[in-house]
């Protein structure tokens, strides 16, 4: 057992301290939580729950400069939480349901 492993008062070592797969999941969850911890990103995710939106609709709803909204969209896209596609001159954004479900599962396994 490494020096970093914590033993609880009941003599049990928590699964999260010895299970490498769980440690990986904790790391993934922490990274996703950092992304969604920003208020405007949560607002974007919430607005996308209703369906696909173009960037122009998103930035109008948030009352933020378009460049700031584009930055938040980029962060969410790089984290895999949203997807984008071109439709003419517009870029359309939607939730990445597979990643959202995976994130929910990670959270439910940890909490």
PDB file of N, CA and C in Angstrom:
ATOM      1  N   UNK A   1       0.846  -1.165   0.000  1.00  0.00           N
ATOM      2  CA  UNK A   1       0.000   0.000   0.000  1.00  0.00           C
ATOM      3  C   UNK A   1       0.897   1.236   0.000  1.00  0.00           C
ATOM      4  N   UNK A   2       0.586   2.234  -0.856  1.00  0.00           N
ATOM      5  CA  UNK A   2       1.426   3.430  -0.940  1.00  0.00           C
ATOM      6  C   UNK A   2       1.154   4.354   0.232  1.00  0.00           C
ATOM      7  N   UNK A   3       2.031   5.323   0.421  1.00  0.00           N
ATOM      8  CA  UNK A   3       1.876   6.290   1.496  1.00  0.00           C
ATOM      9  C   UNK A   3       0.670   7.186   1.275  1.00  0.00           C
ATOM     10  N   UNK A   4       0.183   7.297   0.029  1.00  0.00           N
ATOM     11  CA  UNK A   4      -0.956   8.141  -0.281  1.00  0.00           C
ATOM     12  C   UNK A   4      -2.288   7.458  -0.008  1.00  0.00           C
ATOM     13  N   UNK A   5      -2.281   6.146   0.238  1.00  0.00           N
ATOM     14  CA  UNK A   5      -3.510   5.410   0.469  1.00  0.00           C
ATOM     15  C   UNK A   5      -4.010   5.704   1.870  1.00  0.00           C
ATOM     16  N   UNK A   6      -5.279   6.058   1.940  1.00  0.00           N
ATOM     17  CA  UNK A   6      -5.882   6.429   3.207  1.00  0.00           C
ATOM     18  C   UNK A   6      -6.703   5.274   3.736  1.00  0.00           C
ATOM     19  N   UNK A   7      -6.542   4.969   5.006  1.00  0.00           N
ATOM     20  CA  UNK A   7      -7.339   3.940   5.663  1.00  0.00           C
ATOM     21  C   UNK A   7      -8.315   4.651   6.586  1.00  0.00           C
ATOM     22  N   UNK A   8      -9.586   4.328   6.452  1.00  0.00           N
ATOM     23  CA  UNK A   8     -10.604   4.946   7.283  1.00  0.00           C
ATOM     24  C   UNK A   8     -10.528   4.422   8.704  1.00  0.00           C
ATOM     25  N   UNK A   9     -11.208   5.099   9.618  1.00  0.00           N
ATOM     26  CA  UNK A   9     -11.183   4.709  11.027  1.00  0.00           C
ATOM     27  C   UNK A   9     -11.718   3.300  11.253  1.00  0.00           C
ATOM     28  N   UNK A  10     -12.539   2.814  10.342  1.00  0.00           N
ATOM     29  CA  UNK A  10     -13.059   1.443  10.485  1.00  0.00           C
ATOM     30  C   UNK A  10     -12.104   0.405   9.897  1.00  0.00           C
ATOM     31  N   UNK A  11     -10.905   0.856   9.463  1.00  0.00           N
ATOM     32  CA  UNK A  11      -9.900  -0.055   8.941  1.00  0.00           C
ATOM     33  C   UNK A  11     -10.052  -0.399   7.474  1.00  0.00           C
ATOM     34  N   UNK A  12     -11.011   0.219   6.789  1.00  0.00           N
ATOM     35  CA  UNK A  12     -11.285  -0.067   5.385  1.00  0.00           C
ATOM     36  C   UNK A  12     -10.614   0.998   4.521  1.00  0.00           C
ATOM     37  N   UNK A  13      -9.992   0.549   3.436  1.00  0.00           N
ATOM     38  CA  UNK A  13      -9.424   1.468   2.462  1.00  0.00           C
ATOM     39  C   UNK A  13     -10.500   1.765   1.427  1.00  0.00           C
ATOM     40  N   UNK A  14     -10.831   3.060   1.204  1.00  0.00           N
ATOM     41  CA  UNK A  14     -11.859   3.385   0.210  1.00  0.00           C
ATOM     42  C   UNK A  14     -11.490   2.863  -1.176  1.00  0.00           C
ATOM     43  N   UNK A  15     -12.508   2.380  -1.928  1.00  0.00           N
ATOM     44  CA  UNK A  15     -12.266   1.856  -3.271  1.00  0.00           C
ATOM     45  C   UNK A  15     -11.598   2.880  -4.172  1.00  0.00           C
ATOM     46  N   UNK A  16     -11.918   4.175  -3.970  1.00  0.00           N
ATOM     47  CA  UNK A  16     -11.368   5.201  -4.852  1.00  0.00           C
ATOM     48  C   UNK A  16      -9.863   5.380  -4.661  1.00  0.00           C
ATOM     49  N   UNK A  17      -9.321   4.825  -3.601  1.00  0.00           N
ATOM     50  CA  UNK A  17      -7.885   4.983  -3.349  1.00  0.00           C
ATOM     51  C   UNK A  17      -7.052   3.833  -3.913  1.00  0.00           C
ATOM     52  N   UNK A  18      -7.674   2.725  -4.253  1.00  0.00           N
ATOM     53  CA  UNK A  18      -6.901   1.572  -4.711  1.00  0.00           C
ATOM     54  C   UNK A  18      -7.301   1.076  -6.094  1.00  0.00           C
ATOM     55  N   UNK A  19      -8.426   1.465  -6.587  1.00  0.00           N
ATOM     56  CA  UNK A  19      -8.935   1.006  -7.871  1.00  0.00           C
ATOM     57  C   UNK A  19      -8.465   1.957  -8.974  1.00  0.00           C
ATOM     58  N   UNK A  20      -7.549   1.496  -9.830  1.00  0.00           N
ATOM     59  CA  UNK A  20      -6.984   2.364 -10.874  1.00  0.00           C
ATOM     60  C   UNK A  20      -8.041   2.840 -11.860  1.00  0.00           C
ATOM     61  N   UNK A  21      -8.994   1.969 -12.203  1.00  0.00           N
ATOM     62  CA  UNK A  21     -10.054   2.368 -13.122  1.00  0.00           C
ATOM     63  C   UNK A  21     -10.874   3.505 -12.510  1.00  0.00           C
ATOM     64  N   UNK A  22     -11.193   3.374 -11.237  1.00  0.00           N
ATOM     65  CA  UNK A  22     -11.963   4.411 -10.557  1.00  0.00           C
ATOM     66  C   UNK A  22     -11.167   5.707 -10.453  1.00  0.00           C
ATOM     67  N   UNK A  23      -9.868   5.604 -10.228  1.00  0.00           N
ATOM     68  CA  UNK A  23      -9.021   6.808 -10.189  1.00  0.00           C
ATOM     69  C   UNK A  23      -9.055   7.528 -11.533  1.00  0.00           C
ATOM     70  N   UNK A  24      -9.053   6.767 -12.620  1.00  0.00           N
ATOM     71  CA  UNK A  24      -9.150   7.358 -13.959  1.00  0.00           C
ATOM     72  C   UNK A  24     -10.489   8.050 -14.132  1.00  0.00           C
ATOM     73  N   UNK A  25     -11.555   7.394 -13.681  1.00  0.00           N
ATOM     74  CA  UNK A  25     -12.888   7.985 -13.778  1.00  0.00           C
ATOM     75  C   UNK A  25     -12.982   9.262 -12.951  1.00  0.00           C
ATOM     76  N   UNK A  26     -12.361   9.266 -11.785  1.00  0.00           N
ATOM     77  CA  UNK A  26     -12.356  10.468 -10.944  1.00  0.00           C
ATOM     78  C   UNK A  26     -11.657  11.605 -11.682  1.00  0.00           C
ATOM     79  N   UNK A  27     -10.556  11.301 -12.339  1.00  0.00           N
ATOM     80  CA  UNK A  27      -9.835  12.319 -13.104  1.00  0.00           C
ATOM     81  C   UNK A  27     -10.673  12.884 -14.232  1.00  0.00           C
ATOM     82  N   UNK A  28     -11.353  12.004 -14.980  1.00  0.00           N
ATOM     83  CA  UNK A  28     -12.225  12.449 -16.075  1.00  0.00           C
ATOM     84  C   UNK A  28     -13.351  13.325 -15.540  1.00  0.00           C
ATOM     85  N   UNK A  29     -13.948  12.886 -14.444  1.00  0.00           N
ATOM     86  CA  UNK A  29     -15.052  13.635 -13.855  1.00  0.00           C
ATOM     87  C   UNK A  29     -14.593  15.003 -13.379  1.00  0.00           C
ATOM     88  N   UNK A  30     -13.425  15.064 -12.760  1.00  0.00           N
ATOM     89  CA  UNK A  30     -12.893  16.341 -12.285  1.00  0.00           C
ATOM     90  C   UNK A  30     -12.670  17.301 -13.446  1.00  0.00           C
ATOM     91  N   UNK A  31     -12.158  16.797 -14.563  1.00  0.00           N
ATOM     92  CA  UNK A  31     -11.925  17.656 -15.729  1.00  0.00           C
ATOM     93  C   UNK A  31     -13.243  18.186 -16.293  1.00  0.00           C
ATOM     94  N   UNK A  32     -14.246  17.320 -16.388  1.00  0.00           N
ATOM     95  CA  UNK A  32     -15.548  17.770 -16.887  1.00  0.00           C
ATOM     96  C   UNK A  32     -16.196  18.762 -15.926  1.00  0.00           C
ATOM     97  N   UNK A  33     -16.033  18.533 -14.622  1.00  0.00           N
ATOM     98  CA  UNK A  33     -16.588  19.471 -13.647  1.00  0.00           C
ATOM     99  C   UNK A  33     -15.931  20.840 -13.752  1.00  0.00           C
ATOM    100  N   UNK A  34     -14.648  20.874 -14.048  1.00  0.00           N
ATOM    101  CA  UNK A  34     -13.967  22.160 -14.240  1.00  0.00           C
ATOM    102  C   UNK A  34     -14.577  22.913 -15.422  1.00  0.00           C
ATOM    103  N   UNK A  35     -14.899  22.185 -16.468  1.00  0.00           N
ATOM    104  CA  UNK A  35     -15.478  22.814 -17.663  1.00  0.00           C
ATOM    105  C   UNK A  35     -16.860  23.369 -17.353  1.00  0.00           C
ATOM    106  N   UNK A  36     -17.697  22.596 -16.690  1.00  0.00           N
ATOM    107  CA  UNK A  36     -19.075  23.039 -16.453  1.00  0.00           C
ATOM    108  C   UNK A  36     -19.212  23.925 -15.221  1.00  0.00           C
ATOM    109  N   UNK A  37     -18.140  24.115 -14.486  1.00  0.00           N
ATOM    110  CA  UNK A  37     -18.200  24.977 -13.301  1.00  0.00           C
ATOM    111  C   UNK A  37     -18.369  26.446 -13.657  1.00  0.00           C
ATOM    112  N   UNK A  38     -18.122  26.804 -14.900  1.00  0.00           N
ATOM    113  CA  UNK A  38     -18.267  28.196 -15.341  1.00  0.00           C
ATOM    114  C   UNK A  38     -19.748  28.453 -15.642  1.00  0.00           C
ATOM    115  N   UNK A  39     -20.298  29.509 -15.043  1.00  0.00           N
ATOM    116  CA  UNK A  39     -21.731  29.795 -15.122  1.00  0.00           C
ATOM    117  C   UNK A  39     -22.263  29.910 -16.548  1.00  0.00           C
ATOM    118  N   UNK A  40     -21.563  30.603 -17.411  1.00  0.00           N
ATOM    119  CA  UNK A  40     -22.049  30.778 -18.783  1.00  0.00           C
ATOM    120  C   UNK A  40     -22.055  29.465 -19.557  1.00  0.00           C
ATOM    121  N   UNK A  41     -21.127  28.582 -19.265  1.00  0.00           N
ATOM    122  CA  UNK A  41     -21.114  27.274 -19.932  1.00  0.00           C
ATOM    123  C   UNK A  41     -22.314  26.448 -19.498  1.00  0.00           C
ATOM    124  N   UNK A  42     -22.661  26.549 -18.212  1.00  0.00           N
ATOM    125  CA  UNK A  42     -23.864  25.853 -17.749  1.00  0.00           C
ATOM    126  C   UNK A  42     -25.112  26.414 -18.428  1.00  0.00           C
ATOM    127  N   UNK A  43     -25.154  27.724 -18.613  1.00  0.00           N
ATOM    128  CA  UNK A  43     -26.291  28.340 -19.305  1.00  0.00           C
ATOM    129  C   UNK A  43     -26.372  27.844 -20.746  1.00  0.00           C
ATOM    130  N   UNK A  44     -25.228  27.708 -21.394  1.00  0.00           N
ATOM    131  CA  UNK A  44     -25.208  27.198 -22.772  1.00  0.00           C
ATOM    132  C   UNK A  44     -25.727  25.765 -22.808  1.00  0.00           C
ATOM    133  N   UNK A  45     -25.238  24.924 -21.909  1.00  0.00           N
ATOM    134  CA  UNK A  45     -25.695  23.536 -21.865  1.00  0.00           C
ATOM    135  C   UNK A  45     -27.196  23.468 -21.595  1.00  0.00           C
ATOM    136  N   UNK A  46     -27.658  24.300 -20.696  1.00  0.00           N
ATOM    137  CA  UNK A  46     -29.087  24.332 -20.366  1.00  0.00           C
ATOM    138  C   UNK A  46     -29.912  24.739 -21.590  1.00  0.00           C
ATOM    139  N   UNK A  47     -29.453  25.748 -22.322  1.00  0.00           N
ATOM    140  CA  UNK A  47     -30.198  26.194 -23.499  1.00  0.00           C
ATOM    141  C   UNK A  47     -30.204  25.125 -24.589  1.00  0.00           C
ATOM    142  N   UNK A  48     -29.134  24.325 -24.667  1.00  0.00           N
ATOM    143  CA  UNK A  48     -29.059  23.279 -25.682  1.00  0.00           C
ATOM    144  C   UNK A  48     -29.896  22.047 -25.323  1.00  0.00           C
ATOM    145  N   UNK A  49     -30.368  21.969 -24.076  1.00  0.00           N
ATOM    146  CA  UNK A  49     -31.260  20.862 -23.696  1.00  0.00           C
ATOM    147  C   UNK A  49     -32.540  20.902 -24.515  1.00  0.00           C
ATOM    148  N   UNK A  50     -32.929  22.089 -24.949  1.00  0.00           N
ATOM    149  CA  UNK A  50     -34.168  22.255 -25.707  1.00  0.00           C
ATOM    150  C   UNK A  50     -33.996  21.860 -27.170  1.00  0.00           C
ATOM    151  N   UNK A  51     -32.743  21.715 -27.598  1.00  0.00           N
ATOM    152  CA  UNK A  51     -32.485  21.328 -28.977  1.00  0.00           C
ATOM    153  C   UNK A  51     -31.355  22.131 -29.581  1.00  0.00           C
ATOM    154  N   UNK A  52     -31.080  21.838 -30.814  1.00  0.00           N
ATOM    155  CA  UNK A  52     -29.980  22.449 -31.557  1.00  0.00           C
ATOM    156  C   UNK A  52     -30.202  23.959 -31.727  1.00  0.00           C
ATOM    157  N   UNK A  53     -29.116  24.724 -31.569  1.00  0.00           N
ATOM    158  CA  UNK A  53     -29.167  26.182 -31.732  1.00  0.00           C
ATOM    159  C   UNK A  53     -27.953  26.655 -32.516  1.00  0.00           C
ATOM    160  N   UNK A  54     -28.133  27.756 -33.239  1.00  0.00           N
ATOM    161  CA  UNK A  54     -26.979  28.365 -33.892  1.00  0.00           C
ATOM    162  C   UNK A  54     -26.317  29.322 -32.899  1.00  0.00           C
ATOM    163  N   UNK A  55     -25.064  29.634 -33.152  1.00  0.00           N
ATOM    164  CA  UNK A  55     -24.312  30.483 -32.244  1.00  0.00           C
ATOM    165  C   UNK A  55     -24.994  31.829 -32.068  1.00  0.00           C
ATOM    166  N   UNK A  56     -25.629  32.345 -33.113  1.00  0.00           N
ATOM    167  CA  UNK A  56     -26.299  33.651 -33.014  1.00  0.00           C
ATOM    168  C   UNK A  56     -27.428  33.607 -31.986  1.00  0.00           C
ATOM    169  N   UNK A  57     -28.176  32.503 -31.923  1.00  0.00           N
ATOM    170  CA  UNK A  57     -29.242  32.368 -30.925  1.00  0.00           C
ATOM    171  C   UNK A  57     -28.671  32.238 -29.519  1.00  0.00           C
ATOM    172  N   UNK A  58     -27.565  31.534 -29.391  1.00  0.00           N
ATOM    173  CA  UNK A  58     -26.959  31.324 -28.076  1.00  0.00           C
ATOM    174  C   UNK A  58     -26.452  32.636 -27.506  1.00  0.00           C
ATOM    175  N   UNK A  59     -25.715  33.412 -28.305  1.00  0.00           N
ATOM    176  CA  UNK A  59     -25.146  34.634 -27.738  1.00  0.00           C
ATOM    177  C   UNK A  59     -26.208  35.681 -27.475  1.00  0.00           C
ATOM    178  N   UNK A  60     -27.278  35.702 -28.250  1.00  0.00           N
ATOM    179  CA  UNK A  60     -28.384  36.631 -27.962  1.00  0.00           C
ATOM    180  C   UNK A  60     -29.070  36.276 -26.650  1.00  0.00           C
ATOM    181  N   UNK A  61     -29.265  34.991 -26.397  1.00  0.00           N
ATOM    182  CA  UNK A  61     -29.911  34.541 -25.152  1.00  0.00           C
ATOM    183  C   UNK A  61     -29.061  34.834 -23.923  1.00  0.00           C
ATOM    184  N   UNK A  62     -27.742  34.785 -24.076  1.00  0.00           N
ATOM    185  CA  UNK A  62     -26.852  34.987 -22.929  1.00  0.00           C
ATOM    186  C   UNK A  62     -26.515  36.447 -22.684  1.00  0.00           C
ATOM    187  N   UNK A  63     -26.767  37.301 -23.654  1.00  0.00           N
ATOM    188  CA  UNK A  63     -26.427  38.715 -23.546  1.00  0.00           C
ATOM    189  C   UNK A  63     -24.925  38.898 -23.255  1.00  0.00           C
ATOM    190  N   UNK A  64     -24.115  38.163 -24.015  1.00  0.00           N
ATOM    191  CA  UNK A  64     -22.653  38.241 -23.923  1.00  0.00           C
ATOM    192  C   UNK A  64     -22.105  38.547 -25.311  1.00  0.00           C
ATOM    193  N   UNK A  65     -20.881  39.089 -25.378  1.00  0.00           N
ATOM    194  CA  UNK A  65     -20.265  39.298 -26.696  1.00  0.00           C
ATOM    195  C   UNK A  65     -20.104  37.958 -27.426  1.00  0.00           C
ATOM    196  N   UNK A  66     -20.248  38.000 -28.744  1.00  0.00           N
ATOM    197  CA  UNK A  66     -20.188  36.770 -29.532  1.00  0.00           C
ATOM    198  C   UNK A  66     -18.833  36.073 -29.385  1.00  0.00           C
ATOM    199  N   UNK A  67     -17.742  36.843 -29.284  1.00  0.00           N
ATOM    200  CA  UNK A  67     -16.433  36.194 -29.162  1.00  0.00           C
ATOM    201  C   UNK A  67     -16.308  35.413 -27.848  1.00  0.00           C
ATOM    202  N   UNK A  68     -16.928  35.908 -26.775  1.00  0.00           N
ATOM    203  CA  UNK A  68     -16.878  35.195 -25.499  1.00  0.00           C
ATOM    204  C   UNK A  68     -17.724  33.919 -25.567  1.00  0.00           C
ATOM    205  N   UNK A  69     -18.876  34.011 -26.183  1.00  0.00           N
ATOM    206  CA  UNK A  69     -19.718  32.829 -26.350  1.00  0.00           C
ATOM    207  C   UNK A  69     -18.997  31.788 -27.213  1.00  0.00           C
ATOM    208  N   UNK A  70     -18.345  32.237 -28.264  1.00  0.00           N
ATOM    209  CA  UNK A  70     -17.583  31.315 -29.119  1.00  0.00           C
ATOM    210  C   UNK A  70     -16.479  30.622 -28.335  1.00  0.00           C
ATOM    211  N   UNK A  71     -15.837  31.350 -27.436  1.00  0.00           N
ATOM    212  CA  UNK A  71     -14.794  30.740 -26.595  1.00  0.00           C
ATOM    213  C   UNK A  71     -15.393  29.636 -25.720  1.00  0.00           C
ATOM    214  N   UNK A  72     -16.518  29.933 -25.069  1.00  0.00           N
ATOM    215  CA  UNK A  72     -17.162  28.936 -24.212  1.00  0.00           C
ATOM    216  C   UNK A  72     -17.613  27.726 -25.027  1.00  0.00           C
ATOM    217  N   UNK A  73     -18.130  27.961 -26.215  1.00  0.00           N
ATOM    218  CA  UNK A  73     -18.537  26.852 -27.087  1.00  0.00           C
ATOM    219  C   UNK A  73     -17.342  25.989 -27.462  1.00  0.00           C
ATOM    220  N   UNK A  74     -16.212  26.620 -27.712  1.00  0.00           N
ATOM    221  CA  UNK A  74     -14.998  25.871 -28.059  1.00  0.00           C
ATOM    222  C   UNK A  74     -14.578  24.975 -26.891  1.00  0.00           C
ATOM    223  N   UNK A  75     -14.608  25.514 -25.679  1.00  0.00           N
ATOM    224  CA  UNK A  75     -14.222  24.734 -24.499  1.00  0.00           C
ATOM    225  C   UNK A  75     -15.168  23.551 -24.320  1.00  0.00           C
ATOM    226  N   UNK A  76     -16.460  23.798 -24.461  1.00  0.00           N
ATOM    227  CA  UNK A  76     -17.448  22.720 -24.327  1.00  0.00           C
ATOM    228  C   UNK A  76     -17.279  21.672 -25.420  1.00  0.00           C
ATOM    229  N   UNK A  77     -16.980  22.114 -26.636  1.00  0.00           N
ATOM    230  CA  UNK A  77     -16.779  21.181 -27.757  1.00  0.00           C
ATOM    231  C   UNK A  77     -15.524  20.340 -27.532  1.00  0.00           C
ATOM    232  N   UNK A  78     -14.437  20.983 -27.086  1.00  0.00           N
ATOM    233  CA  UNK A  78     -13.190  20.242 -26.834  1.00  0.00           C
ATOM    234  C   UNK A  78     -13.353  19.225 -25.708  1.00  0.00           C
ATOM    235  N   UNK A  79     -14.236  19.514 -24.757  1.00  0.00           N
ATOM    236  CA  UNK A  79     -14.510  18.568 -23.674  1.00  0.00           C
ATOM    237  C   UNK A  79     -15.444  17.453 -24.121  1.00  0.00           C
ATOM    238  N   UNK A  80     -15.993  17.592 -25.331  1.00  0.00           N
ATOM    239  CA  UNK A  80     -16.877  16.574 -25.868  1.00  0.00           C
ATOM    240  C   UNK A  80     -18.311  16.689 -25.395  1.00  0.00           C
ATOM    241  N   UNK A  81     -18.649  17.776 -24.709  1.00  0.00           N
ATOM    242  CA  UNK A  81     -20.000  17.929 -24.180  1.00  0.00           C
ATOM    243  C   UNK A  81     -20.998  18.402 -25.226  1.00  0.00           C
ATOM    244  N   UNK A  82     -20.506  19.080 -26.266  1.00  0.00           N
ATOM    245  CA  UNK A  82     -21.385  19.523 -27.341  1.00  0.00           C
ATOM    246  C   UNK A  82     -20.772  19.141 -28.681  1.00  0.00           C
ATOM    247  N   UNK A  83     -21.626  19.156 -29.701  1.00  0.00           N
ATOM    248  CA  UNK A  83     -21.203  18.885 -31.072  1.00  0.00           C
ATOM    249  C   UNK A  83     -21.597  20.079 -31.928  1.00  0.00           C
ATOM    250  N   UNK A  84     -20.910  20.236 -33.037  1.00  0.00           N
ATOM    251  CA  UNK A  84     -21.254  21.329 -33.945  1.00  0.00           C
ATOM    252  C   UNK A  84     -21.281  20.811 -35.376  1.00  0.00           C
ATOM    253  N   UNK A  85     -22.063  21.516 -36.201  1.00  0.00           N
ATOM    254  CA  UNK A  85     -22.115  21.198 -37.620  1.00  0.00           C
ATOM    255  C   UNK A  85     -22.427  22.490 -38.371  1.00  0.00           C
ATOM    256  N   UNK A  86     -21.930  22.559 -39.590  1.00  0.00           N
ATOM    257  CA  UNK A  86     -22.188  23.721 -40.446  1.00  0.00           C
ATOM    258  C   UNK A  86     -23.515  23.532 -41.162  1.00  0.00           C
ATOM    259  N   UNK A  87     -24.283  24.603 -41.216  1.00  0.00           N
ATOM    260  CA  UNK A  87     -25.521  24.635 -41.991  1.00  0.00           C
ATOM    261  C   UNK A  87     -25.529  25.967 -42.727  1.00  0.00           C
ATOM    262  N   UNK A  88     -25.088  25.948 -43.968  1.00  0.00           N
ATOM    263  CA  UNK A  88     -24.941  27.199 -44.715  1.00  0.00           C
ATOM    264  C   UNK A  88     -23.856  28.051 -44.068  1.00  0.00           C
ATOM    265  N   UNK A  89     -24.204  29.267 -43.704  1.00  0.00           N
ATOM    266  CA  UNK A  89     -23.254  30.158 -43.039  1.00  0.00           C
ATOM    267  C   UNK A  89     -23.253  30.000 -41.526  1.00  0.00           C
ATOM    268  N   UNK A  90     -24.227  29.278 -41.002  1.00  0.00           N
ATOM    269  CA  UNK A  90     -24.365  29.114 -39.554  1.00  0.00           C
ATOM    270  C   UNK A  90     -23.664  27.859 -39.054  1.00  0.00           C
ATOM    271  N   UNK A  91     -23.211  27.933 -37.804  1.00  0.00           N
ATOM    272  CA  UNK A  91     -22.723  26.752 -37.099  1.00  0.00           C
ATOM    273  C   UNK A  91     -23.792  26.402 -36.077  1.00  0.00           C
ATOM    274  N   UNK A  92     -24.253  25.161 -36.141  1.00  0.00           N
ATOM    275  CA  UNK A  92     -25.313  24.688 -35.252  1.00  0.00           C
ATOM    276  C   UNK A  92     -24.687  23.841 -34.144  1.00  0.00           C
ATOM    277  N   UNK A  93     -25.142  24.057 -32.924  1.00  0.00           N
ATOM    278  CA  UNK A  93     -24.613  23.345 -31.761  1.00  0.00           C
ATOM    279  C   UNK A  93     -25.706  22.506 -31.112  1.00  0.00           C
ATOM    280  N   UNK A  94     -25.298  21.353 -30.593  1.00  0.00           N
ATOM    281  CA  UNK A  94     -26.216  20.477 -29.874  1.00  0.00           C
ATOM    282  C   UNK A  94     -25.435  19.726 -28.801  1.00  0.00           C
ATOM    283  N   UNK A  95     -26.168  19.200 -27.833  1.00  0.00           N
ATOM    284  CA  UNK A  95     -25.534  18.402 -26.788  1.00  0.00           C
ATOM    285  C   UNK A  95     -25.018  17.102 -27.383  1.00  0.00           C
ATOM    286  N   UNK A  96     -23.892  16.642 -26.892  1.00  0.00           N
ATOM    287  CA  UNK A  96     -23.383  15.323 -27.247  1.00  0.00           C
ATOM    288  C   UNK A  96     -23.971  14.360 -26.226  1.00  0.00           C
ATOM    289  N   UNK A  97     -25.090  13.753 -26.573  1.00  0.00           N
ATOM    290  CA  UNK A  97     -25.848  12.925 -25.625  1.00  0.00           C
ATOM    291  C   UNK A  97     -25.013  11.778 -25.055  1.00  0.00           C
ATOM    292  N   UNK A  98     -24.154  11.209 -25.873  1.00  0.00           N
ATOM    293  CA  UNK A  98     -23.326  10.092 -25.408  1.00  0.00           C
ATOM    294  C   UNK A  98     -22.393  10.547 -24.283  1.00  0.00           C
ATOM    295  N   UNK A  99     -21.746  11.697 -24.465  1.00  0.00           N
ATOM    296  CA  UNK A  99     -20.844  12.214 -23.437  1.00  0.00           C
ATOM    297  C   UNK A  99     -21.619  12.637 -22.196  1.00  0.00           C
ATOM    298  N   UNK A 100     -22.777  13.261 -22.390  1.00  0.00           N
ATOM    299  CA  UNK A 100     -23.597  13.685 -21.254  1.00  0.00           C
ATOM    300  C   UNK A 100     -24.020  12.473 -20.430  1.00  0.00           C
ATOM    301  N   UNK A 101     -24.450  11.407 -21.090  1.00  0.00           N
ATOM    302  CA  UNK A 101     -24.840  10.186 -20.381  1.00  0.00           C
ATOM    303  C   UNK A 101     -23.656   9.582 -19.636  1.00  0.00           C
ATOM    304  N   UNK A 102     -22.497   9.581 -20.281  1.00  0.00           N
ATOM    305  CA  UNK A 102     -21.289   9.054 -19.653  1.00  0.00           C
ATOM    306  C   UNK A 102     -20.913   9.879 -18.421  1.00  0.00           C
ATOM    307  N   UNK A 103     -21.013  11.209 -18.546  1.00  0.00           N
ATOM    308  CA  UNK A 103     -20.724  12.115 -17.438  1.00  0.00           C
ATOM    309  C   UNK A 103     -21.687  11.861 -16.280  1.00  0.00           C
ATOM    310  N   UNK A 104     -22.974  11.700 -16.591  1.00  0.00           N
ATOM    311  CA  UNK A 104     -23.954  11.406 -15.553  1.00  0.00           C
ATOM    312  C   UNK A 104     -23.645  10.088 -14.847  1.00  0.00           C
ATOM    313  N   UNK A 105     -23.226   9.098 -15.614  1.00  0.00           N
ATOM    314  CA  UNK A 105     -22.879   7.806 -15.037  1.00  0.00           C
ATOM    315  C   UNK A 105     -21.652   7.929 -14.135  1.00  0.00           C
ATOM    316  N   UNK A 106     -20.634   8.670 -14.601  1.00  0.00           N
ATOM    317  CA  UNK A 106     -19.446   8.891 -13.792  1.00  0.00           C
ATOM    318  C   UNK A 106     -19.814   9.539 -12.466  1.00  0.00           C
ATOM    319  N   UNK A 107     -20.650  10.577 -12.532  1.00  0.00           N
ATOM    320  CA  UNK A 107     -21.054  11.271 -11.312  1.00  0.00           C
ATOM    321  C   UNK A 107     -21.849  10.359 -10.371  1.00  0.00           C
ATOM    322  N   UNK A 108     -22.770   9.600 -10.933  1.00  0.00           N
ATOM    323  CA  UNK A 108     -23.591   8.725 -10.077  1.00  0.00           C
ATOM    324  C   UNK A 108     -22.745   7.619  -9.440  1.00  0.00           C
ATOM    325  N   UNK A 109     -21.689   7.184 -10.122  1.00  0.00           N
ATOM    326  CA  UNK A 109     -20.811   6.162  -9.548  1.00  0.00           C
ATOM    327  C   UNK A 109     -19.968   6.721  -8.407  1.00  0.00           C
ATOM    328  N   UNK A 110     -19.688   8.011  -8.461  1.00  0.00           N
ATOM    329  CA  UNK A 110     -18.816   8.607  -7.448  1.00  0.00           C
ATOM    330  C   UNK A 110     -19.580   9.171  -6.261  1.00  0.00           C
ATOM    331  N   UNK A 111     -20.803   9.612  -6.504  1.00  0.00           N
ATOM    332  CA  UNK A 111     -21.561  10.278  -5.426  1.00  0.00           C
ATOM    333  C   UNK A 111     -22.667   9.403  -4.888  1.00  0.00           C
TER     334      UNK A 111
END
